[in-house]
Amino acid sequence: MLQIVPQMKIYLAHQYLDFRKGIDGIAAYCRTVLRQDPFSGALFVFHNRRRTAIKLLVYDGQGYWLCHKRFSSERLKWWPKKGGQLSQLGARQLQILLWNGDPSKAQFSEQWKPLQIS
């Protein structure tokens, strides 16, 4: 089972990806275009040209996970429009994105609470 934890690095690729690519093609894209190590344990998030689907790629130490979600009736409502190749996203924001929400408008409580040492 794939576990997404708050400490995980999550990268969103700004450009769309040709979804005919499989694991090897996406890993090569991460290395050559995004200049990231696909073996690092970071999770990479991509969308297709029409913004009707999302693919996730992550290496867990034994092999790759490739997850594909196609939205049944809508297109993605949100994707970053910053310059550059990548944006970093938090685990909670990814959950909202996977449900086709807008993580930039979500209100979260603090992720970590400080310890009260007495």
PDB file of N, CA and C in Angstrom:
ATOM      1  N   MET A   1       0.838  -1.175   0.000  1.00  0.00           N
ATOM      2  CA  MET A   1       0.000   0.000   0.000  1.00  0.00           C
ATOM      3  C   MET A   1       0.885   1.241   0.000  1.00  0.00           C
ATOM      4  N   LEU A   2       0.509   2.211  -0.768  1.00  0.00           N
ATOM      5  CA  LEU A   2       1.232   3.479  -0.854  1.00  0.00           C
ATOM      6  C   LEU A   2       0.770   4.386   0.273  1.00  0.00           C
ATOM      7  N   GLN A   3       1.718   4.895   1.052  1.00  0.00           N
ATOM      8  CA  GLN A   3       1.382   5.767   2.163  1.00  0.00           C
ATOM      9  C   GLN A   3       1.968   7.155   1.900  1.00  0.00           C
ATOM     10  N   ILE A   4       1.114   8.161   1.986  1.00  0.00           N
ATOM     11  CA  ILE A   4       1.548   9.542   1.799  1.00  0.00           C
ATOM     12  C   ILE A   4       1.581  10.191   3.173  1.00  0.00           C
ATOM     13  N   VAL A   5       2.780  10.579   3.598  1.00  0.00           N
ATOM     14  CA  VAL A   5       2.974  11.137   4.936  1.00  0.00           C
ATOM     15  C   VAL A   5       3.393  12.602   4.837  1.00  0.00           C
ATOM     16  N   PRO A   6       3.182  13.378   5.911  1.00  0.00           N
ATOM     17  CA  PRO A   6       3.511  14.808   5.856  1.00  0.00           C
ATOM     18  C   PRO A   6       4.969  15.107   5.528  1.00  0.00           C
ATOM     19  N   GLN A   7       5.884  14.184   5.863  1.00  0.00           N
ATOM     20  CA  GLN A   7       7.308  14.429   5.612  1.00  0.00           C
ATOM     21  C   GLN A   7       7.714  14.164   4.167  1.00  0.00           C
ATOM     22  N   MET A   8       6.841  13.589   3.375  1.00  0.00           N
ATOM     23  CA  MET A   8       7.160  13.218   1.995  1.00  0.00           C
ATOM     24  C   MET A   8       7.263  14.466   1.107  1.00  0.00           C
ATOM     25  N   LYS A   9       8.265  14.476   0.252  1.00  0.00           N
ATOM     26  CA  LYS A   9       8.367  15.550  -0.737  1.00  0.00           C
ATOM     27  C   LYS A   9       7.433  15.218  -1.893  1.00  0.00           C
ATOM     28  N   ILE A  10       6.603  16.173  -2.267  1.00  0.00           N
ATOM     29  CA  ILE A  10       5.636  15.991  -3.349  1.00  0.00           C
ATOM     30  C   ILE A  10       5.853  17.116  -4.349  1.00  0.00           C
ATOM     31  N   TYR A  11       6.099  16.739  -5.599  1.00  0.00           N
ATOM     32  CA  TYR A  11       6.361  17.716  -6.652  1.00  0.00           C
ATOM     33  C   TYR A  11       5.270  17.659  -7.710  1.00  0.00           C
ATOM     34  N   LEU A  12       4.742  18.821  -8.082  1.00  0.00           N
ATOM     35  CA  LEU A  12       3.790  18.936  -9.188  1.00  0.00           C
ATOM     36  C   LEU A  12       4.530  19.462 -10.402  1.00  0.00           C
ATOM     37  N   ALA A  13       4.435  18.756 -11.500  1.00  0.00           N
ATOM     38  CA  ALA A  13       5.027  19.224 -12.753  1.00  0.00           C
ATOM     39  C   ALA A  13       4.067  20.229 -13.384  1.00  0.00           C
ATOM     40  N   HIS A  14       4.564  21.366 -13.792  1.00  0.00           N
ATOM     41  CA  HIS A  14       3.697  22.408 -14.346  1.00  0.00           C
ATOM     42  C   HIS A  14       3.199  22.075 -15.740  1.00  0.00           C
ATOM     43  N   GLN A  15       4.029  21.438 -16.542  1.00  0.00           N
ATOM     44  CA  GLN A  15       3.641  21.088 -17.908  1.00  0.00           C
ATOM     45  C   GLN A  15       2.884  19.768 -17.919  1.00  0.00           C
ATOM     46  N   TYR A  16       2.017  19.612 -18.883  1.00  0.00           N
ATOM     47  CA  TYR A  16       1.302  18.341 -19.002  1.00  0.00           C
ATOM     48  C   TYR A  16       2.268  17.247 -19.444  1.00  0.00           C
ATOM     49  N   LEU A  17       1.861  15.997 -19.220  1.00  0.00           N
ATOM     50  CA  LEU A  17       2.663  14.837 -19.576  1.00  0.00           C
ATOM     51  C   LEU A  17       1.867  13.974 -20.545  1.00  0.00           C
ATOM     52  N   ASP A  18       2.551  13.408 -21.515  1.00  0.00           N
ATOM     53  CA  ASP A  18       1.930  12.455 -22.429  1.00  0.00           C
ATOM     54  C   ASP A  18       1.629  11.190 -21.635  1.00  0.00           C
ATOM     55  N   PHE A  19       0.358  10.891 -21.418  1.00  0.00           N
ATOM     56  CA  PHE A  19      -0.021   9.778 -20.552  1.00  0.00           C
ATOM     57  C   PHE A  19       0.166   8.412 -21.205  1.00  0.00           C
ATOM     58  N   ARG A  20       0.678   8.361 -22.413  1.00  0.00           N
ATOM     59  CA  ARG A  20       1.055   7.072 -22.982  1.00  0.00           C
ATOM     60  C   ARG A  20       2.352   6.567 -22.366  1.00  0.00           C
ATOM     61  N   LYS A  21       3.083   7.455 -21.684  1.00  0.00           N
ATOM     62  CA  LYS A  21       4.332   7.052 -21.031  1.00  0.00           C
ATOM     63  C   LYS A  21       4.031   6.145 -19.849  1.00  0.00           C
ATOM     64  N   GLY A  22       4.889   5.163 -19.677  1.00  0.00           N
ATOM     65  CA  GLY A  22       4.801   4.274 -18.530  1.00  0.00           C
ATOM     66  C   GLY A  22       5.825   4.674 -17.478  1.00  0.00           C
ATOM     67  N   ILE A  23       6.122   3.756 -16.586  1.00  0.00           N
ATOM     68  CA  ILE A  23       7.040   4.044 -15.486  1.00  0.00           C
ATOM     69  C   ILE A  23       8.408   4.492 -15.991  1.00  0.00           C
ATOM     70  N   ASP A  24       8.998   3.754 -16.926  1.00  0.00           N
ATOM     71  CA  ASP A  24      10.344   4.098 -17.402  1.00  0.00           C
ATOM     72  C   ASP A  24      10.366   5.457 -18.105  1.00  0.00           C
ATOM     73  N   GLY A  25       9.354   5.735 -18.904  1.00  0.00           N
ATOM     74  CA  GLY A  25       9.283   7.019 -19.602  1.00  0.00           C
ATOM     75  C   GLY A  25       9.099   8.183 -18.650  1.00  0.00           C
ATOM     76  N   ILE A  26       8.290   7.999 -17.613  1.00  0.00           N
ATOM     77  CA  ILE A  26       8.068   9.073 -16.642  1.00  0.00           C
ATOM     78  C   ILE A  26       9.310   9.273 -15.775  1.00  0.00           C
ATOM     79  N   ALA A  27       9.959   8.179 -15.383  1.00  0.00           N
ATOM     80  CA  ALA A  27      11.193   8.298 -14.605  1.00  0.00           C
ATOM     81  C   ALA A  27      12.270   9.032 -15.414  1.00  0.00           C
ATOM     82  N   ALA A  28      12.369   8.732 -16.697  1.00  0.00           N
ATOM     83  CA  ALA A  28      13.319   9.437 -17.564  1.00  0.00           C
ATOM     84  C   ALA A  28      12.959  10.916 -17.668  1.00  0.00           C
ATOM     85  N   TYR A  29      11.677  11.226 -17.746  1.00  0.00           N
ATOM     86  CA  TYR A  29      11.206  12.619 -17.791  1.00  0.00           C
ATOM     87  C   TYR A  29      11.614  13.338 -16.501  1.00  0.00           C
ATOM     88  N   CYS A  30      11.469  12.684 -15.360  1.00  0.00           N
ATOM     89  CA  CYS A  30      11.873  13.281 -14.081  1.00  0.00           C
ATOM     90  C   CYS A  30      13.364  13.611 -14.081  1.00  0.00           C
ATOM     91  N   ARG A  31      14.176  12.677 -14.596  1.00  0.00           N
ATOM     92  CA  ARG A  31      15.629  12.884 -14.619  1.00  0.00           C
ATOM     93  C   ARG A  31      16.038  13.968 -15.597  1.00  0.00           C
ATOM     94  N   THR A  32      15.549  13.909 -16.822  1.00  0.00           N
ATOM     95  CA  THR A  32      16.060  14.792 -17.876  1.00  0.00           C
ATOM     96  C   THR A  32      15.394  16.159 -17.904  1.00  0.00           C
ATOM     97  N   VAL A  33      14.082  16.210 -17.813  1.00  0.00           N
ATOM     98  CA  VAL A  33      13.369  17.487 -17.932  1.00  0.00           C
ATOM     99  C   VAL A  33      13.249  18.188 -16.582  1.00  0.00           C
ATOM    100  N   LEU A  34      12.818  17.463 -15.553  1.00  0.00           N
ATOM    101  CA  LEU A  34      12.609  18.079 -14.246  1.00  0.00           C
ATOM    102  C   LEU A  34      13.886  18.155 -13.412  1.00  0.00           C
ATOM    103  N   ARG A  35      14.928  17.414 -13.836  1.00  0.00           N
ATOM    104  CA  ARG A  35      16.213  17.385 -13.140  1.00  0.00           C
ATOM    105  C   ARG A  35      16.068  16.955 -11.678  1.00  0.00           C
ATOM    106  N   GLN A  36      15.257  15.917 -11.474  1.00  0.00           N
ATOM    107  CA  GLN A  36      15.036  15.339 -10.153  1.00  0.00           C
ATOM    108  C   GLN A  36      15.354  13.852 -10.204  1.00  0.00           C
ATOM    109  N   ASP A  37      15.720  13.299  -9.063  1.00  0.00           N
ATOM    110  CA  ASP A  37      16.045  11.882  -8.977  1.00  0.00           C
ATOM    111  C   ASP A  37      14.772  11.087  -8.694  1.00  0.00           C
ATOM    112  N   PRO A  38      14.300  10.283  -9.627  1.00  0.00           N
ATOM    113  CA  PRO A  38      13.078   9.523  -9.387  1.00  0.00           C
ATOM    114  C   PRO A  38      13.241   8.423  -8.336  1.00  0.00           C
ATOM    115  N   PHE A  39      14.491   8.095  -7.949  1.00  0.00           N
ATOM    116  CA  PHE A  39      14.744   7.110  -6.899  1.00  0.00           C
ATOM    117  C   PHE A  39      14.802   7.748  -5.510  1.00  0.00           C
ATOM    118  N   SER A  40      14.539   9.038  -5.400  1.00  0.00           N
ATOM    119  CA  SER A  40      14.701   9.752  -4.137  1.00  0.00           C
ATOM    120  C   SER A  40      13.593   9.475  -3.126  1.00  0.00           C
ATOM    121  N   GLY A  41      12.489   8.882  -3.555  1.00  0.00           N
ATOM    122  CA  GLY A  41      11.349   8.681  -2.664  1.00  0.00           C
ATOM    123  C   GLY A  41      10.351   9.816  -2.732  1.00  0.00           C
ATOM    124  N   ALA A  42      10.662  10.848  -3.511  1.00  0.00           N
ATOM    125  CA  ALA A  42       9.713  11.944  -3.703  1.00  0.00           C
ATOM    126  C   ALA A  42       8.571  11.460  -4.599  1.00  0.00           C
ATOM    127  N   LEU A  43       7.413  12.039  -4.413  1.00  0.00           N
ATOM    128  CA  LEU A  43       6.249  11.697  -5.216  1.00  0.00           C
ATOM    129  C   LEU A  43       6.077  12.770  -6.289  1.00  0.00           C
ATOM    130  N   PHE A  44       5.926  12.362  -7.531  1.00  0.00           N
ATOM    131  CA  PHE A  44       5.780  13.280  -8.657  1.00  0.00           C
ATOM    132  C   PHE A  44       4.348  13.205  -9.172  1.00  0.00           C
ATOM    133  N   VAL A  45       3.749  14.371  -9.392  1.00  0.00           N
ATOM    134  CA  VAL A  45       2.351  14.454  -9.817  1.00  0.00           C
ATOM    135  C   VAL A  45       2.300  15.131 -11.181  1.00  0.00           C
ATOM    136  N   PHE A  46       1.561  14.516 -12.100  1.00  0.00           N
ATOM    137  CA  PHE A  46       1.448  15.019 -13.465  1.00  0.00           C
ATOM    138  C   PHE A  46      -0.021  15.062 -13.871  1.00  0.00           C
ATOM    139  N   HIS A  47      -0.328  15.907 -14.858  1.00  0.00           N
ATOM    140  CA  HIS A  47      -1.673  15.904 -15.447  1.00  0.00           C
ATOM    141  C   HIS A  47      -1.545  15.730 -16.948  1.00  0.00           C
ATOM    142  N   ASN A  48      -2.625  15.254 -17.568  1.00  0.00           N
ATOM    143  CA  ASN A  48      -2.600  15.092 -19.022  1.00  0.00           C
ATOM    144  C   ASN A  48      -2.972  16.409 -19.708  1.00  0.00           C
ATOM    145  N   ARG A  49      -2.895  16.437 -21.005  1.00  0.00           N
ATOM    146  CA  ARG A  49      -3.110  17.659 -21.772  1.00  0.00           C
ATOM    147  C   ARG A  49      -4.499  18.249 -21.547  1.00  0.00           C
ATOM    148  N   ARG A  50      -5.505  17.389 -21.495  1.00  0.00           N
ATOM    149  CA  ARG A  50      -6.886  17.866 -21.343  1.00  0.00           C
ATOM    150  C   ARG A  50      -7.285  18.111 -19.890  1.00  0.00           C
ATOM    151  N   ARG A  51      -6.370  17.808 -18.968  1.00  0.00           N
ATOM    152  CA  ARG A  51      -6.597  17.971 -17.529  1.00  0.00           C
ATOM    153  C   ARG A  51      -7.783  17.145 -17.036  1.00  0.00           C
ATOM    154  N   THR A  52      -7.904  15.948 -17.573  1.00  0.00           N
ATOM    155  CA  THR A  52      -8.964  15.043 -17.147  1.00  0.00           C
ATOM    156  C   THR A  52      -8.423  13.901 -16.291  1.00  0.00           C
ATOM    157  N   ALA A  53      -7.104  13.865 -16.075  1.00  0.00           N
ATOM    158  CA  ALA A  53      -6.500  12.771 -15.316  1.00  0.00           C
ATOM    159  C   ALA A  53      -5.210  13.233 -14.638  1.00  0.00           C
ATOM    160  N   ILE A  54      -4.839  12.475 -13.616  1.00  0.00           N
ATOM    161  CA  ILE A  54      -3.615  12.715 -12.847  1.00  0.00           C
ATOM    162  C   ILE A  54      -2.845  11.398 -12.777  1.00  0.00           C
ATOM    163  N   LYS A  55      -1.505  11.492 -12.858  1.00  0.00           N
ATOM    164  CA  LYS A  55      -0.644  10.336 -12.612  1.00  0.00           C
ATOM    165  C   LYS A  55       0.322  10.700 -11.491  1.00  0.00           C
ATOM    166  N   LEU A  56       0.568   9.723 -10.615  1.00  0.00           N
ATOM    167  CA  LEU A  56       1.529   9.863  -9.527  1.00  0.00           C
ATOM    168  C   LEU A  56       2.615   8.818  -9.714  1.00  0.00           C
ATOM    169  N   LEU A  57       3.858   9.204  -9.537  1.00  0.00           N
ATOM    170  CA  LEU A  57       4.980   8.274  -9.609  1.00  0.00           C
ATOM    171  C   LEU A  57       5.814   8.435  -8.353  1.00  0.00           C
ATOM    172  N   VAL A  58       6.116   7.308  -7.689  1.00  0.00           N
ATOM    173  CA  VAL A  58       6.967   7.336  -6.504  1.00  0.00           C
ATOM    174  C   VAL A  58       7.718   6.012  -6.407  1.00  0.00           C
ATOM    175  N   TYR A  59       8.961   6.095  -5.942  1.00  0.00           N
ATOM    176  CA  TYR A  59       9.784   4.912  -5.706  1.00  0.00           C
ATOM    177  C   TYR A  59       9.794   4.643  -4.205  1.00  0.00           C
ATOM    178  N   ASP A  60       9.473   3.409  -3.786  1.00  0.00           N
ATOM    179  CA  ASP A  60       9.357   3.099  -2.358  1.00  0.00           C
ATOM    180  C   ASP A  60      10.545   2.319  -1.796  1.00  0.00           C
ATOM    181  N   GLY A  61      11.623   2.197  -2.538  1.00  0.00           N
ATOM    182  CA  GLY A  61      12.790   1.461  -2.071  1.00  0.00           C
ATOM    183  C   GLY A  61      12.892   0.074  -2.678  1.00  0.00           C
ATOM    184  N   GLN A  62      11.763  -0.480  -3.139  1.00  0.00           N
ATOM    185  CA  GLN A  62      11.760  -1.786  -3.798  1.00  0.00           C
ATOM    186  C   GLN A  62      11.328  -1.696  -5.247  1.00  0.00           C
ATOM    187  N   GLY A  63      10.553  -0.687  -5.552  1.00  0.00           N
ATOM    188  CA  GLY A  63      10.046  -0.537  -6.907  1.00  0.00           C
ATOM    189  C   GLY A  63       9.212   0.727  -7.017  1.00  0.00           C
ATOM    190  N   TYR A  64       8.726   0.951  -8.202  1.00  0.00           N
ATOM    191  CA  TYR A  64       7.919   2.145  -8.467  1.00  0.00           C
ATOM    192  C   TYR A  64       6.438   1.865  -8.275  1.00  0.00           C
ATOM    193  N   TRP A  65       5.737   2.881  -7.815  1.00  0.00           N
ATOM    194  CA  TRP A  65       4.280   2.923  -7.821  1.00  0.00           C
ATOM    195  C   TRP A  65       3.884   3.918  -8.903  1.00  0.00           C
ATOM    196  N   LEU A  66       2.955   3.530  -9.756  1.00  0.00           N
ATOM    197  CA  LEU A  66       2.395   4.437 -10.747  1.00  0.00           C
ATOM    198  C   LEU A  66       0.881   4.402 -10.564  1.00  0.00           C
ATOM    199  N   CYS A  67       0.340   5.510 -10.133  1.00  0.00           N
ATOM    200  CA  CYS A  67      -1.100   5.607  -9.879  1.00  0.00           C
ATOM    201  C   CYS A  67      -1.713   6.550 -10.912  1.00  0.00           C
ATOM    202  N   HIS A  68      -2.877   6.191 -11.386  1.00  0.00           N
ATOM    203  CA  HIS A  68      -3.561   6.965 -12.420  1.00  0.00           C
ATOM    204  C   HIS A  68      -5.003   7.186 -11.966  1.00  0.00           C
ATOM    205  N   LYS A  69      -5.425   8.438 -11.932  1.00  0.00           N
ATOM    206  CA  LYS A  69      -6.817   8.752 -11.612  1.00  0.00           C
ATOM    207  C   LYS A  69      -7.401   9.549 -12.767  1.00  0.00           C
ATOM    208  N   ARG A  70      -8.510   9.050 -13.304  1.00  0.00           N
ATOM    209  CA  ARG A  70      -9.224   9.769 -14.354  1.00  0.00           C
ATOM    210  C   ARG A  70     -10.520  10.286 -13.746  1.00  0.00           C
ATOM    211  N   PHE A  71     -10.774  11.575 -13.934  1.00  0.00           N
ATOM    212  CA  PHE A  71     -12.000  12.179 -13.418  1.00  0.00           C
ATOM    213  C   PHE A  71     -13.148  11.812 -14.347  1.00  0.00           C
ATOM    214  N   SER A  72     -14.248  11.381 -13.780  1.00  0.00           N
ATOM    215  CA  SER A  72     -15.344  10.833 -14.589  1.00  0.00           C
ATOM    216  C   SER A  72     -16.128  11.894 -15.343  1.00  0.00           C
ATOM    217  N   SER A  73     -16.271  13.093 -14.767  1.00  0.00           N
ATOM    218  CA  SER A  73     -17.137  14.056 -15.455  1.00  0.00           C
ATOM    219  C   SER A  73     -16.554  15.456 -15.560  1.00  0.00           C
ATOM    220  N   GLU A  74     -15.444  15.719 -14.927  1.00  0.00           N
ATOM    221  CA  GLU A  74     -14.909  17.081 -14.924  1.00  0.00           C
ATOM    222  C   GLU A  74     -13.429  17.091 -15.276  1.00  0.00           C
ATOM    223  N   ARG A  75     -12.933  18.290 -15.464  1.00  0.00           N
ATOM    224  CA  ARG A  75     -11.495  18.506 -15.627  1.00  0.00           C
ATOM    225  C   ARG A  75     -10.937  19.040 -14.321  1.00  0.00           C
ATOM    226  N   LEU A  76      -9.619  19.010 -14.196  1.00  0.00           N
ATOM    227  CA  LEU A  76      -8.990  19.552 -12.994  1.00  0.00           C
ATOM    228  C   LEU A  76      -9.373  21.020 -12.822  1.00  0.00           C
ATOM    229  N   LYS A  77      -9.780  21.366 -11.627  1.00  0.00           N
ATOM    230  CA  LYS A  77     -10.184  22.746 -11.360  1.00  0.00           C
ATOM    231  C   LYS A  77      -8.992  23.632 -11.025  1.00  0.00           C
ATOM    232  N   TRP A  78      -7.906  23.028 -10.565  1.00  0.00           N
ATOM    233  CA  TRP A  78      -6.752  23.811 -10.124  1.00  0.00           C
ATOM    234  C   TRP A  78      -5.459  23.133 -10.533  1.00  0.00           C
ATOM    235  N   TRP A  79      -4.507  23.946 -10.937  1.00  0.00           N
ATOM    236  CA  TRP A  79      -3.115  23.521 -11.154  1.00  0.00           C
ATOM    237  C   TRP A  79      -2.257  24.763 -11.046  1.00  0.00           C
ATOM    238  N   PRO A  80      -1.059  24.693 -10.479  1.00  0.00           N
ATOM    239  CA  PRO A  80      -0.238  25.901 -10.310  1.00  0.00           C
ATOM    240  C   PRO A  80       0.141  26.534 -11.635  1.00  0.00           C
ATOM    241  N   LYS A  81       0.197  27.851 -11.638  1.00  0.00           N
ATOM    242  CA  LYS A  81       0.564  28.580 -12.858  1.00  0.00           C
ATOM    243  C   LYS A  81       1.864  29.345 -12.679  1.00  0.00           C
ATOM    244  N   LYS A  82       2.686  28.915 -11.735  1.00  0.00           N
ATOM    245  CA  LYS A  82       3.965  29.565 -11.497  1.00  0.00           C
ATOM    246  C   LYS A  82       4.920  29.261 -12.641  1.00  0.00           C
ATOM    247  N   GLY A  83       5.937  30.090 -12.766  1.00  0.00           N
ATOM    248  CA  GLY A  83       6.969  29.810 -13.743  1.00  0.00           C
ATOM    249  C   GLY A  83       7.827  28.649 -13.269  1.00  0.00           C
ATOM    250  N   GLY A  84       8.619  28.116 -14.158  1.00  0.00           N
ATOM    251  CA  GLY A  84       9.489  27.008 -13.790  1.00  0.00           C
ATOM    252  C   GLY A  84       8.874  25.666 -14.114  1.00  0.00           C
ATOM    253  N   GLN A  85       9.526  24.618 -13.661  1.00  0.00           N
ATOM    254  CA  GLN A  85       9.115  23.253 -13.989  1.00  0.00           C
ATOM    255  C   GLN A  85       8.262  22.602 -12.914  1.00  0.00           C
ATOM    256  N   LEU A  86       8.547  22.924 -11.627  1.00  0.00           N
ATOM    257  CA  LEU A  86       7.936  22.198 -10.510  1.00  0.00           C
ATOM    258  C   LEU A  86       7.417  23.127  -9.430  1.00  0.00           C
ATOM    259  N   SER A  87       6.439  22.640  -8.686  1.00  0.00           N
ATOM    260  CA  SER A  87       5.996  23.245  -7.439  1.00  0.00           C
ATOM    261  C   SER A  87       6.010  22.154  -6.391  1.00  0.00           C
ATOM    262  N   GLN A  88       6.247  22.550  -5.153  1.00  0.00           N
ATOM    263  CA  GLN A  88       6.183  21.573  -4.070  1.00  0.00           C
ATOM    264  C   GLN A  88       4.821  21.687  -3.394  1.00  0.00           C
ATOM    265  N   LEU A  89       4.303  20.550  -2.970  1.00  0.00           N
ATOM    266  CA  LEU A  89       2.967  20.478  -2.398  1.00  0.00           C
ATOM    267  C   LEU A  89       3.040  19.656  -1.117  1.00  0.00           C
ATOM    268  N   GLY A  90       2.174  19.972  -0.152  1.00  0.00           N
ATOM    269  CA  GLY A  90       2.096  19.191   1.075  1.00  0.00           C
ATOM    270  C   GLY A  90       1.155  18.005   0.899  1.00  0.00           C
ATOM    271  N   ALA A  91       1.266  17.047   1.815  1.00  0.00           N
ATOM    272  CA  ALA A  91       0.436  15.834   1.737  1.00  0.00           C
ATOM    273  C   ALA A  91      -1.048  16.168   1.820  1.00  0.00           C
ATOM    274  N   ARG A  92      -1.423  17.095   2.697  1.00  0.00           N
ATOM    275  CA  ARG A  92      -2.842  17.465   2.814  1.00  0.00           C
ATOM    276  C   ARG A  92      -3.337  18.146   1.547  1.00  0.00           C
ATOM    277  N   GLN A  93      -2.486  18.958   0.949  1.00  0.00           N
ATOM    278  CA  GLN A  93      -2.867  19.628  -0.299  1.00  0.00           C
ATOM    279  C   GLN A  93      -3.056  18.618  -1.424  1.00  0.00           C
ATOM    280  N   LEU A  94      -2.216  17.581  -1.453  1.00  0.00           N
ATOM    281  CA  LEU A  94      -2.357  16.544  -2.470  1.00  0.00           C
ATOM    282  C   LEU A  94      -3.704  15.833  -2.325  1.00  0.00           C
ATOM    283  N   GLN A  95      -4.114  15.558  -1.100  1.00  0.00           N
ATOM    284  CA  GLN A  95      -5.406  14.907  -0.880  1.00  0.00           C
ATOM    285  C   GLN A  95      -6.543  15.733  -1.482  1.00  0.00           C
ATOM    286  N   ILE A  96      -6.487  17.028  -1.291  1.00  0.00           N
ATOM    287  CA  ILE A  96      -7.524  17.909  -1.848  1.00  0.00           C
ATOM    288  C   ILE A  96      -7.468  17.889  -3.367  1.00  0.00           C
ATOM    289  N   LEU A  97      -6.267  17.943  -3.931  1.00  0.00           N
ATOM    290  CA  LEU A  97      -6.113  17.909  -5.385  1.00  0.00           C
ATOM    291  C   LEU A  97      -6.665  16.613  -5.968  1.00  0.00           C
ATOM    292  N   LEU A  98      -6.426  15.483  -5.293  1.00  0.00           N
ATOM    293  CA  LEU A  98      -6.925  14.204  -5.785  1.00  0.00           C
ATOM    294  C   LEU A  98      -8.452  14.136  -5.779  1.00  0.00           C
ATOM    295  N   TRP A  99      -9.082  14.934  -4.965  1.00  0.00           N
ATOM    296  CA  TRP A  99     -10.547  15.022  -4.957  1.00  0.00           C
ATOM    297  C   TRP A  99     -11.032  16.172  -5.838  1.00  0.00           C
ATOM    298  N   ASN A 100     -10.142  16.691  -6.695  1.00  0.00           N
ATOM    299  CA  ASN A 100     -10.427  17.763  -7.637  1.00  0.00           C
ATOM    300  C   ASN A 100     -10.825  19.062  -6.944  1.00  0.00           C
ATOM    301  N   GLY A 101     -10.187  19.320  -5.822  1.00  0.00           N
ATOM    302  CA  GLY A 101     -10.399  20.573  -5.111  1.00  0.00           C
ATOM    303  C   GLY A 101      -9.265  21.543  -5.395  1.00  0.00           C
ATOM    304  N   ASP A 102      -9.374  22.708  -4.798  1.00  0.00           N
ATOM    305  CA  ASP A 102      -8.365  23.754  -4.953  1.00  0.00           C
ATOM    306  C   ASP A 102      -7.584  23.891  -3.653  1.00  0.00           C
ATOM    307  N   PRO A 103      -6.381  23.314  -3.573  1.00  0.00           N
ATOM    308  CA  PRO A 103      -5.618  23.390  -2.325  1.00  0.00           C
ATOM    309  C   PRO A 103      -5.201  24.796  -1.943  1.00  0.00           C
ATOM    310  N   SER A 104      -5.157  25.717  -2.899  1.00  0.00           N
ATOM    311  CA  SER A 104      -4.758  27.088  -2.573  1.00  0.00           C
ATOM    312  C   SER A 104      -5.844  27.815  -1.782  1.00  0.00           C
ATOM    313  N   LYS A 105      -7.071  27.319  -1.803  1.00  0.00           N
ATOM    314  CA  LYS A 105      -8.172  27.958  -1.079  1.00  0.00           C
ATOM    315  C   LYS A 105      -8.541  27.219   0.204  1.00  0.00           C
ATOM    316  N   ALA A 106      -7.928  26.074   0.437  1.00  0.00           N
ATOM    317  CA  ALA A 106      -8.252  25.279   1.630  1.00  0.00           C
ATOM    318  C   ALA A 106      -7.642  25.926   2.866  1.00  0.00           C
ATOM    319  N   GLN A 107      -8.359  25.848   3.958  1.00  0.00           N
ATOM    320  CA  GLN A 107      -7.870  26.368   5.234  1.00  0.00           C
ATOM    321  C   GLN A 107      -7.538  25.188   6.132  1.00  0.00           C
ATOM    322  N   PHE A 108      -6.297  25.148   6.578  1.00  0.00           N
ATOM    323  CA  PHE A 108      -5.820  24.062   7.415  1.00  0.00           C
ATOM    324  C   PHE A 108      -5.460  24.591   8.793  1.00  0.00           C
ATOM    325  N   SER A 109      -5.589  23.731   9.789  1.00  0.00           N
ATOM    326  CA  SER A 109      -5.029  24.058  11.098  1.00  0.00           C
ATOM    327  C   SER A 109      -3.532  23.805  11.022  1.00  0.00           C
ATOM    328  N   GLU A 110      -2.811  24.196  12.068  1.00  0.00           N
ATOM    329  CA  GLU A 110      -1.365  23.981  12.067  1.00  0.00           C
ATOM    330  C   GLU A 110      -1.058  22.502  11.935  1.00  0.00           C
ATOM    331  N   GLN A 111      -0.043  22.190  11.155  1.00  0.00           N
ATOM    332  CA  GLN A 111       0.307  20.793  10.936  1.00  0.00           C
ATOM    333  C   GLN A 111       1.023  20.200  12.143  1.00  0.00           C
ATOM    334  N   TRP A 112       1.856  20.992  12.782  1.00  0.00           N
ATOM    335  CA  TRP A 112       2.620  20.515  13.940  1.00  0.00           C
ATOM    336  C   TRP A 112       2.349  21.430  15.115  1.00  0.00           C
ATOM    337  N   LYS A 113       2.171  20.831  16.258  1.00  0.00           N
ATOM    338  CA  LYS A 113       1.976  21.610  17.475  1.00  0.00           C
ATOM    339  C   LYS A 113       3.271  21.560  18.298  1.00  0.00           C
ATOM    340  N   PRO A 114       3.688  22.706  18.857  1.00  0.00           N
ATOM    341  CA  PRO A 114       4.916  22.682  19.659  1.00  0.00           C
ATOM    342  C   PRO A 114       4.694  21.929  20.967  1.00  0.00           C
ATOM    343  N   LEU A 115       5.731  21.277  21.436  1.00  0.00           N
ATOM    344  CA  LEU A 115       5.671  20.568  22.708  1.00  0.00           C
ATOM    345  C   LEU A 115       5.754  21.566  23.848  1.00  0.00           C
ATOM    346  N   GLN A 116       4.986  21.330  24.874  1.00  0.00           N
ATOM    347  CA  GLN A 116       5.047  22.150  26.092  1.00  0.00           C
ATOM    348  C   GLN A 116       5.957  21.413  27.082  1.00  0.00           C
ATOM    349  N   ILE A 117       7.161  21.892  27.206  1.00  0.00           N
ATOM    350  CA  ILE A 117       8.115  21.253  28.103  1.00  0.00           C
ATOM    351  C   ILE A 117       8.103  22.013  29.421  1.00  0.00           C
ATOM    352  N   SER A 118       7.854  21.286  30.498  1.00  0.00           N
ATOM    353  CA  SER A 118       7.807  21.964  31.809  1.00  0.00           C
ATOM    354  C   SER A 118       8.866  21.454  32.737  1.00  0.00           C
TER     355      SER A 118
END
